Amino acid sequence: MVAGADQGDAFKRDMGYSVEEFFRILPTAVGDHEYTAEGGRIVVRPPQQDRELVLKINALPDRKIGMIRIPRIEVDFCFQNFSTQERREFLVAFDRSFQRGGG
């Protein structure tokens, strides 16, 4: 997936993170947006209170490659009242926060 690509108001992503890792990174990923989390449902509200992003997190079976196990989650994104540009800007920052280091 290309960071910042326009994916519409609702879509799913398969991410190589555990639920615990996701929640550890989430505060950085949402930046100055407020959020509340209850179970696997997260509501993100930007400073402009007329919009919100609802994330739903579901654990998936680990991906196995030989002896390597990679945790996985499915994240449902549902943007409400975001312009295309606002959605792109949020996703660029979100994706940057979840990038893994490498060489």
C-alpha atoms as a PDB file:
ATOM      1  CA  MET A   1       0.000   0.000   0.000  1.00  0.00           C
ATOM      2  CA  VAL A   2       1.171   3.491  -0.792  1.00  0.00           C
ATOM      3  CA  ALA A   3       1.140   5.877   2.169  1.00  0.00           C
ATOM      4  CA  GLY A   4      -1.442   8.560   1.652  1.00  0.00           C
ATOM      5  CA  ALA A   5      -3.254   6.698  -1.100  1.00  0.00           C
ATOM      6  CA  ASP A   6      -6.938   7.541  -1.177  1.00  0.00           C
ATOM      7  CA  GLN A   7      -8.786   4.468   0.027  1.00  0.00           C
ATOM      8  CA  GLY A   8     -12.225   5.936   0.576  1.00  0.00           C
ATOM      9  CA  ASP A   9     -14.139   6.444   3.791  1.00  0.00           C
ATOM     10  CA  ALA A  10     -14.081   2.812   4.958  1.00  0.00           C
ATOM     11  CA  PHE A  11     -11.499   0.092   4.409  1.00  0.00           C
ATOM     12  CA  LYS A  12      -9.602  -2.711   6.180  1.00  0.00           C
ATOM     13  CA  ARG A  13      -5.913  -3.322   6.658  1.00  0.00           C
ATOM     14  CA  ASP A  14      -4.029  -6.436   7.651  1.00  0.00           C
ATOM     15  CA  MET A  15      -1.148  -5.188   9.823  1.00  0.00           C
ATOM     16  CA  GLY A  16       1.858  -7.121  11.140  1.00  0.00           C
ATOM     17  CA  TYR A  17       1.431  -6.074  14.770  1.00  0.00           C
ATOM     18  CA  SER A  18       0.028  -7.592  17.937  1.00  0.00           C
ATOM     19  CA  VAL A  19      -2.871  -5.812  19.638  1.00  0.00           C
ATOM     20  CA  GLU A  20      -0.489  -4.736  22.413  1.00  0.00           C
ATOM     21  CA  GLU A  21       2.039  -3.276  19.941  1.00  0.00           C
ATOM     22  CA  PHE A  22      -0.728  -1.427  18.112  1.00  0.00           C
ATOM     23  CA  PHE A  23      -1.974   0.234  21.300  1.00  0.00           C
ATOM     24  CA  ARG A  24       1.580   1.152  22.323  1.00  0.00           C
ATOM     25  CA  ILE A  25       2.153   3.007  19.016  1.00  0.00           C
ATOM     26  CA  LEU A  26      -1.359   4.467  18.710  1.00  0.00           C
ATOM     27  CA  PRO A  27      -0.773   7.710  20.706  1.00  0.00           C
ATOM     28  CA  THR A  28       2.047   8.688  18.348  1.00  0.00           C
ATOM     29  CA  ALA A  29       0.029   7.642  15.292  1.00  0.00           C
ATOM     30  CA  VAL A  30      -2.970   9.860  16.111  1.00  0.00           C
ATOM     31  CA  GLY A  31      -0.857  12.914  16.963  1.00  0.00           C
ATOM     32  CA  ASP A  32      -2.861  15.777  18.459  1.00  0.00           C
ATOM     33  CA  HIS A  33      -6.188  14.004  17.905  1.00  0.00           C
ATOM     34  CA  GLU A  34      -8.044  12.880  21.024  1.00  0.00           C
ATOM     35  CA  TYR A  35      -9.095   9.246  21.176  1.00  0.00           C
ATOM     36  CA  THR A  36     -10.989   6.845  23.362  1.00  0.00           C
ATOM     37  CA  ALA A  37     -10.581   3.099  23.362  1.00  0.00           C
ATOM     38  CA  GLU A  38     -12.995   0.495  24.600  1.00  0.00           C
ATOM     39  CA  GLY A  39     -12.018  -3.059  23.882  1.00  0.00           C
ATOM     40  CA  GLY A  40     -11.130  -3.319  20.211  1.00  0.00           C
ATOM     41  CA  ARG A  41     -13.005  -0.134  19.239  1.00  0.00           C
ATOM     42  CA  ILE A  42     -11.177   3.191  19.079  1.00  0.00           C
ATOM     43  CA  VAL A  43     -12.771   6.545  18.276  1.00  0.00           C
ATOM     44  CA  VAL A  44     -10.353   9.248  17.102  1.00  0.00           C
ATOM     45  CA  ARG A  45     -11.536  12.854  17.112  1.00  0.00           C
ATOM     46  CA  PRO A  46      -9.503  15.624  15.522  1.00  0.00           C
ATOM     47  CA  PRO A  47      -9.637  19.142  16.989  1.00  0.00           C
ATOM     48  CA  GLN A  48     -12.566  19.884  14.638  1.00  0.00           C
ATOM     49  CA  GLN A  49     -15.231  17.954  16.558  1.00  0.00           C
ATOM     50  CA  ASP A  50     -17.569  17.520  13.583  1.00  0.00           C
ATOM     51  CA  ARG A  51     -15.641  14.469  12.368  1.00  0.00           C
ATOM     52  CA  GLU A  52     -14.320  11.209  13.715  1.00  0.00           C
ATOM     53  CA  LEU A  53     -12.469   8.082  12.746  1.00  0.00           C
ATOM     54  CA  VAL A  54     -13.611   4.752  14.131  1.00  0.00           C
ATOM     55  CA  LEU A  55     -11.024   1.964  14.232  1.00  0.00           C
ATOM     56  CA  LYS A  56     -11.934  -1.633  15.040  1.00  0.00           C
ATOM     57  CA  ILE A  57      -9.119  -4.005  15.903  1.00  0.00           C
ATOM     58  CA  ASN A  58      -9.390  -7.775  15.467  1.00  0.00           C
ATOM     59  CA  ALA A  59      -6.584 -10.212  16.251  1.00  0.00           C
ATOM     60  CA  LEU A  60      -5.767 -12.604  13.406  1.00  0.00           C
ATOM     61  CA  PRO A  61      -3.754 -15.831  13.422  1.00  0.00           C
ATOM     62  CA  ASP A  62      -0.001 -15.277  13.262  1.00  0.00           C
ATOM     63  CA  ARG A  63       1.615 -15.367   9.843  1.00  0.00           C
ATOM     64  CA  LYS A  64       4.115 -18.238   9.780  1.00  0.00           C
ATOM     65  CA  ILE A  65       7.160 -18.209   7.554  1.00  0.00           C
ATOM     66  CA  GLY A  66       9.304 -21.216   8.382  1.00  0.00           C
ATOM     67  CA  MET A  67      10.184 -20.839  12.067  1.00  0.00           C
ATOM     68  CA  ILE A  68       9.220 -17.150  12.090  1.00  0.00           C
ATOM     69  CA  ARG A  69       5.869 -16.046  13.474  1.00  0.00           C
ATOM     70  CA  ILE A  70       4.548 -12.570  12.758  1.00  0.00           C
ATOM     71  CA  PRO A  71       1.585 -11.343  14.790  1.00  0.00           C
ATOM     72  CA  ARG A  72      -1.317  -9.923  12.782  1.00  0.00           C
ATOM     73  CA  ILE A  73      -4.320  -7.737  13.330  1.00  0.00           C
ATOM     74  CA  GLU A  74      -7.062  -6.538  11.042  1.00  0.00           C
ATOM     75  CA  VAL A  75      -7.881  -2.858  11.448  1.00  0.00           C
ATOM     76  CA  ASP A  76     -11.169  -1.482  10.102  1.00  0.00           C
ATOM     77  CA  PHE A  77     -11.004   2.250   9.323  1.00  0.00           C
ATOM     78  CA  CYS A  78     -14.204   4.264   9.036  1.00  0.00           C
ATOM     79  CA  PHE A  79     -13.675   7.989   8.390  1.00  0.00           C
ATOM     80  CA  GLN A  80     -16.711  10.189   9.034  1.00  0.00           C
ATOM     81  CA  ASN A  81     -16.843  13.747   7.630  1.00  0.00           C
ATOM     82  CA  PHE A  82     -13.160  13.842   6.599  1.00  0.00           C
ATOM     83  CA  SER A  83     -12.271  15.470   3.296  1.00  0.00           C
ATOM     84  CA  THR A  84     -10.071  13.478   0.930  1.00  0.00           C
ATOM     85  CA  GLN A  85      -7.122  15.718   1.820  1.00  0.00           C
ATOM     86  CA  GLU A  86      -7.689  15.352   5.592  1.00  0.00           C
ATOM     87  CA  ARG A  87      -7.913  11.579   5.232  1.00  0.00           C
ATOM     88  CA  ARG A  88      -4.671  11.483   3.212  1.00  0.00           C
ATOM     89  CA  GLU A  89      -2.837  13.677   5.719  1.00  0.00           C
ATOM     90  CA  PHE A  90      -3.983  11.533   8.632  1.00  0.00           C
ATOM     91  CA  LEU A  91      -2.971   8.297   6.884  1.00  0.00           C
ATOM     92  CA  VAL A  92       0.489   9.600   5.952  1.00  0.00           C
ATOM     93  CA  ALA A  93       1.189  10.390   9.621  1.00  0.00           C
ATOM     94  CA  PHE A  94      -0.458   7.150  10.801  1.00  0.00           C
ATOM     95  CA  ASP A  95       1.554   5.043   8.348  1.00  0.00           C
ATOM     96  CA  ARG A  96       4.793   6.806   9.276  1.00  0.00           C
ATOM     97  CA  SER A  97       4.217   5.968  12.948  1.00  0.00           C
ATOM     98  CA  PHE A  98       3.724   2.288  12.164  1.00  0.00           C
ATOM     99  CA  GLN A  99       6.745   1.893   9.867  1.00  0.00           C
ATOM    100  CA  ARG A 100       9.279  -0.596  11.125  1.00  0.00           C
ATOM    101  CA  GLY A 101      12.972   0.183  10.974  1.00  0.00           C
ATOM    102  CA  GLY A 102      15.161  -1.598   8.511  1.00  0.00           C
ATOM    103  CA  GLY A 103      18.085  -1.220   6.243  1.00  0.00           C
END
